[in-house]
Amino acid sequence: MITAQHHESSTPELPFAPFPSDTDYFGNPSQAWMINFRVANLDRMVAQLRAKGIEVTLDPEIYPNGRFARLSDPEGNPIEFWEATRWLLVG
């Protein structure tokens, strides 16, 4: 993963993580990218989106780097929300 850092902070602001060209992670082979937003409280974000009628899929698994949820924009592009594991935020 490559990260761009804000000049006043050591917190990564813009992670860039390339995937292999044959990945199916984005859901459709014709989709080669995805926006991923880091959020402080994934459950609250999912609840807010669902309250507005937006379909969101919450991944039930808790990964070493955190939790994830996903939705699609009107054109079918995936958008992912990531709540980082606490040790990643303080490390």
N, C-alpha and C. Protein backbone atom coordinates (compact mmCIF):
# COMPACT_ATOMS: atom_id res chain seq x y z
N MET A 1 0.85 -1.17 0.00
CA MET A 1 0.00 0.00 0.00
C MET A 1 0.89 1.23 0.00
N ILE A 2 0.52 2.20 -0.77
CA ILE A 2 1.20 3.49 -0.83
C ILE A 2 0.30 4.49 -0.14
N THR A 3 0.87 5.37 0.68
CA THR A 3 0.04 6.38 1.32
C THR A 3 0.64 7.77 1.10
N ALA A 4 -0.24 8.72 0.89
CA ALA A 4 0.17 10.12 0.84
C ALA A 4 -0.13 10.69 2.21
N GLN A 5 0.76 11.51 2.74
CA GLN A 5 0.55 12.02 4.08
C GLN A 5 0.40 13.53 4.05
N HIS A 6 -0.50 14.00 4.90
CA HIS A 6 -0.71 15.42 5.08
C HIS A 6 0.54 16.00 5.75
N HIS A 7 0.98 17.15 5.35
CA HIS A 7 2.24 17.71 5.85
C HIS A 7 2.22 18.02 7.34
N GLU A 8 1.06 18.18 7.95
CA GLU A 8 0.98 18.51 9.37
C GLU A 8 0.69 17.31 10.24
N SER A 9 0.60 16.14 9.65
CA SER A 9 0.20 14.96 10.40
C SER A 9 0.93 13.74 9.88
N SER A 10 1.15 12.78 10.76
CA SER A 10 1.75 11.53 10.32
C SER A 10 0.67 10.49 10.01
N THR A 11 -0.60 10.89 10.09
CA THR A 11 -1.70 9.99 9.79
C THR A 11 -1.87 9.88 8.28
N PRO A 12 -1.89 8.64 7.73
CA PRO A 12 -2.11 8.52 6.29
C PRO A 12 -3.45 9.12 5.88
N GLU A 13 -3.44 9.96 4.87
CA GLU A 13 -4.65 10.63 4.41
C GLU A 13 -5.21 10.00 3.14
N LEU A 14 -4.34 9.43 2.30
CA LEU A 14 -4.77 8.92 1.02
C LEU A 14 -4.10 7.58 0.73
N PRO A 15 -4.68 6.48 1.20
CA PRO A 15 -4.07 5.20 0.88
C PRO A 15 -4.34 4.82 -0.57
N PHE A 16 -3.36 4.25 -1.20
CA PHE A 16 -3.49 3.76 -2.56
C PHE A 16 -2.97 2.33 -2.55
N ALA A 17 -3.85 1.38 -2.82
CA ALA A 17 -3.48 -0.03 -2.77
C ALA A 17 -3.83 -0.70 -4.09
N PRO A 18 -2.85 -0.89 -4.97
CA PRO A 18 -3.14 -1.55 -6.23
C PRO A 18 -3.44 -3.04 -6.03
N PHE A 19 -4.31 -3.56 -6.88
CA PHE A 19 -4.67 -4.97 -6.87
C PHE A 19 -4.21 -5.59 -8.18
N PRO A 20 -4.04 -6.92 -8.22
CA PRO A 20 -3.70 -7.57 -9.48
C PRO A 20 -4.78 -7.31 -10.53
N SER A 21 -4.39 -7.29 -11.79
CA SER A 21 -5.34 -6.98 -12.87
C SER A 21 -6.45 -8.01 -12.99
N ASP A 22 -6.25 -9.22 -12.49
CA ASP A 22 -7.27 -10.26 -12.60
C ASP A 22 -8.10 -10.43 -11.31
N THR A 23 -8.05 -9.45 -10.41
CA THR A 23 -8.79 -9.56 -9.15
C THR A 23 -10.30 -9.53 -9.37
N ASP A 24 -11.03 -10.22 -8.50
CA ASP A 24 -12.48 -10.14 -8.52
C ASP A 24 -12.99 -9.39 -7.28
N TYR A 25 -12.07 -8.72 -6.58
CA TYR A 25 -12.40 -8.03 -5.34
C TYR A 25 -13.43 -6.92 -5.55
N PHE A 26 -13.43 -6.29 -6.73
CA PHE A 26 -14.32 -5.16 -6.98
C PHE A 26 -15.71 -5.59 -7.42
N GLY A 27 -15.92 -6.90 -7.59
CA GLY A 27 -17.25 -7.41 -7.89
C GLY A 27 -17.53 -7.71 -9.34
N ASN A 28 -16.87 -7.03 -10.24
CA ASN A 28 -17.11 -7.20 -11.67
C ASN A 28 -15.77 -7.06 -12.38
N PRO A 29 -15.43 -8.00 -13.26
CA PRO A 29 -14.13 -7.92 -13.94
C PRO A 29 -13.89 -6.63 -14.72
N SER A 30 -14.96 -5.94 -15.13
CA SER A 30 -14.77 -4.69 -15.88
C SER A 30 -14.47 -3.51 -14.96
N GLN A 31 -14.60 -3.69 -13.65
CA GLN A 31 -14.33 -2.62 -12.70
C GLN A 31 -12.91 -2.77 -12.17
N ALA A 32 -12.10 -1.76 -12.34
CA ALA A 32 -10.69 -1.86 -11.99
C ALA A 32 -10.29 -0.98 -10.80
N TRP A 33 -11.26 -0.34 -10.17
CA TRP A 33 -10.94 0.54 -9.04
C TRP A 33 -12.14 0.65 -8.11
N MET A 34 -11.88 1.20 -6.93
CA MET A 34 -12.94 1.40 -5.95
C MET A 34 -12.50 2.51 -5.00
N ILE A 35 -13.45 3.32 -4.59
CA ILE A 35 -13.19 4.32 -3.55
C ILE A 35 -13.43 3.65 -2.21
N ASN A 36 -12.53 3.91 -1.26
CA ASN A 36 -12.63 3.33 0.07
C ASN A 36 -12.51 4.48 1.07
N PHE A 37 -13.56 4.68 1.87
CA PHE A 37 -13.56 5.72 2.88
C PHE A 37 -13.31 5.11 4.25
N ARG A 38 -12.37 5.67 4.99
CA ARG A 38 -12.15 5.23 6.37
C ARG A 38 -13.13 6.00 7.25
N VAL A 39 -13.87 5.27 8.10
CA VAL A 39 -14.86 5.89 8.97
C VAL A 39 -14.56 5.53 10.42
N ALA A 40 -14.97 6.39 11.33
CA ALA A 40 -14.71 6.16 12.76
C ALA A 40 -15.65 5.11 13.35
N ASN A 41 -16.89 5.06 12.85
CA ASN A 41 -17.88 4.13 13.41
C ASN A 41 -18.68 3.53 12.26
N LEU A 42 -18.32 2.32 11.87
CA LEU A 42 -18.94 1.69 10.72
C LEU A 42 -20.42 1.42 10.94
N ASP A 43 -20.80 0.96 12.12
CA ASP A 43 -22.21 0.68 12.39
C ASP A 43 -23.06 1.93 12.24
N ARG A 44 -22.56 3.04 12.75
CA ARG A 44 -23.30 4.30 12.65
C ARG A 44 -23.41 4.75 11.19
N MET A 45 -22.33 4.59 10.41
CA MET A 45 -22.37 4.98 9.00
C MET A 45 -23.37 4.12 8.23
N VAL A 46 -23.35 2.82 8.47
CA VAL A 46 -24.29 1.92 7.80
C VAL A 46 -25.72 2.29 8.17
N ALA A 47 -25.98 2.56 9.44
CA ALA A 47 -27.33 2.94 9.87
C ALA A 47 -27.79 4.23 9.20
N GLN A 48 -26.90 5.22 9.08
CA GLN A 48 -27.27 6.49 8.43
C GLN A 48 -27.61 6.27 6.96
N LEU A 49 -26.81 5.47 6.27
CA LEU A 49 -27.06 5.22 4.86
C LEU A 49 -28.36 4.45 4.66
N ARG A 50 -28.57 3.42 5.46
CA ARG A 50 -29.80 2.64 5.34
C ARG A 50 -31.03 3.48 5.67
N ALA A 51 -30.91 4.41 6.61
CA ALA A 51 -32.03 5.29 6.96
C ALA A 51 -32.43 6.17 5.78
N LYS A 52 -31.49 6.41 4.88
CA LYS A 52 -31.77 7.20 3.67
C LYS A 52 -32.18 6.32 2.49
N GLY A 53 -32.36 5.02 2.76
CA GLY A 53 -32.81 4.10 1.72
C GLY A 53 -31.70 3.56 0.83
N ILE A 54 -30.46 3.69 1.26
CA ILE A 54 -29.33 3.20 0.47
C ILE A 54 -29.00 1.78 0.91
N GLU A 55 -28.90 0.89 -0.06
CA GLU A 55 -28.58 -0.51 0.23
C GLU A 55 -27.08 -0.64 0.51
N VAL A 56 -26.76 -1.14 1.69
CA VAL A 56 -25.37 -1.31 2.12
C VAL A 56 -25.19 -2.74 2.59
N THR A 57 -24.10 -3.37 2.17
CA THR A 57 -23.78 -4.72 2.62
C THR A 57 -22.67 -4.63 3.65
N LEU A 58 -22.97 -5.08 4.86
CA LEU A 58 -21.99 -5.09 5.95
C LEU A 58 -21.32 -6.45 5.97
N ASP A 59 -20.00 -6.47 5.81
CA ASP A 59 -19.25 -7.72 5.87
C ASP A 59 -19.25 -8.18 7.33
N PRO A 60 -19.75 -9.39 7.62
CA PRO A 60 -19.84 -9.83 9.00
C PRO A 60 -18.49 -10.20 9.61
N GLU A 61 -17.49 -10.40 8.78
CA GLU A 61 -16.17 -10.81 9.29
C GLU A 61 -15.40 -9.60 9.81
N ILE A 62 -14.66 -9.82 10.89
CA ILE A 62 -13.76 -8.81 11.42
C ILE A 62 -12.35 -9.23 11.03
N TYR A 63 -11.69 -8.42 10.22
CA TYR A 63 -10.36 -8.72 9.69
C TYR A 63 -9.29 -8.12 10.59
N PRO A 64 -8.05 -8.56 10.46
CA PRO A 64 -6.98 -7.97 11.28
C PRO A 64 -6.84 -6.46 11.12
N ASN A 65 -7.19 -5.93 9.95
CA ASN A 65 -7.08 -4.48 9.73
C ASN A 65 -8.40 -3.75 9.93
N GLY A 66 -9.48 -4.45 10.32
CA GLY A 66 -10.73 -3.77 10.62
C GLY A 66 -11.96 -4.41 10.02
N ARG A 67 -13.01 -3.60 9.89
CA ARG A 67 -14.32 -4.04 9.38
C ARG A 67 -14.66 -3.25 8.13
N PHE A 68 -15.53 -3.86 7.28
CA PHE A 68 -15.85 -3.25 6.00
C PHE A 68 -17.33 -3.34 5.69
N ALA A 69 -17.80 -2.38 4.92
CA ALA A 69 -19.15 -2.39 4.35
C ALA A 69 -19.02 -1.85 2.94
N ARG A 70 -19.98 -2.22 2.10
CA ARG A 70 -19.89 -1.82 0.70
C ARG A 70 -21.25 -1.46 0.14
N LEU A 71 -21.25 -0.50 -0.76
CA LEU A 71 -22.43 -0.14 -1.53
C LEU A 71 -21.97 0.12 -2.96
N SER A 72 -22.91 0.36 -3.85
CA SER A 72 -22.58 0.69 -5.23
C SER A 72 -23.18 2.04 -5.57
N ASP A 73 -22.44 2.83 -6.36
CA ASP A 73 -22.98 4.11 -6.82
C ASP A 73 -23.99 3.84 -7.94
N PRO A 74 -24.68 4.85 -8.44
CA PRO A 74 -25.71 4.63 -9.46
C PRO A 74 -25.20 3.95 -10.74
N GLU A 75 -23.89 4.04 -11.01
CA GLU A 75 -23.32 3.40 -12.19
C GLU A 75 -22.80 2.00 -11.90
N GLY A 76 -22.97 1.54 -10.66
CA GLY A 76 -22.52 0.20 -10.29
C GLY A 76 -21.10 0.11 -9.78
N ASN A 77 -20.43 1.25 -9.62
CA ASN A 77 -19.07 1.23 -9.09
C ASN A 77 -19.10 0.98 -7.59
N PRO A 78 -18.24 0.10 -7.08
CA PRO A 78 -18.24 -0.18 -5.64
C PRO A 78 -17.65 0.98 -4.84
N ILE A 79 -18.23 1.20 -3.68
CA ILE A 79 -17.72 2.15 -2.69
C ILE A 79 -17.63 1.39 -1.38
N GLU A 80 -16.48 1.44 -0.76
CA GLU A 80 -16.28 0.66 0.47
C GLU A 80 -16.03 1.60 1.64
N PHE A 81 -16.54 1.21 2.79
CA PHE A 81 -16.31 1.92 4.04
C PHE A 81 -15.50 1.00 4.94
N TRP A 82 -14.49 1.56 5.58
CA TRP A 82 -13.57 0.79 6.40
C TRP A 82 -13.42 1.42 7.78
N GLU A 83 -13.71 0.64 8.80
CA GLU A 83 -13.43 1.05 10.18
C GLU A 83 -12.16 0.32 10.58
N ALA A 84 -11.07 1.07 10.69
CA ALA A 84 -9.77 0.48 10.98
C ALA A 84 -9.72 -0.09 12.40
N THR A 85 -8.96 -1.16 12.54
CA THR A 85 -8.70 -1.71 13.87
C THR A 85 -7.96 -0.66 14.68
N ARG A 86 -8.30 -0.55 15.94
CA ARG A 86 -7.76 0.50 16.79
C ARG A 86 -6.22 0.54 16.78
N TRP A 87 -5.56 -0.60 16.79
CA TRP A 87 -4.09 -0.59 16.83
C TRP A 87 -3.50 0.04 15.56
N LEU A 88 -4.22 -0.01 14.44
CA LEU A 88 -3.73 0.66 13.23
C LEU A 88 -3.78 2.17 13.38
N LEU A 89 -4.73 2.66 14.14
CA LEU A 89 -4.91 4.11 14.29
C LEU A 89 -3.90 4.71 15.26
N VAL A 90 -3.43 3.93 16.22
CA VAL A 90 -2.51 4.47 17.22
C VAL A 90 -1.06 4.10 16.93
N GLY A 91 -0.84 3.14 16.04
CA GLY A 91 0.51 2.64 15.74
C GLY A 91 1.28 3.60 14.95
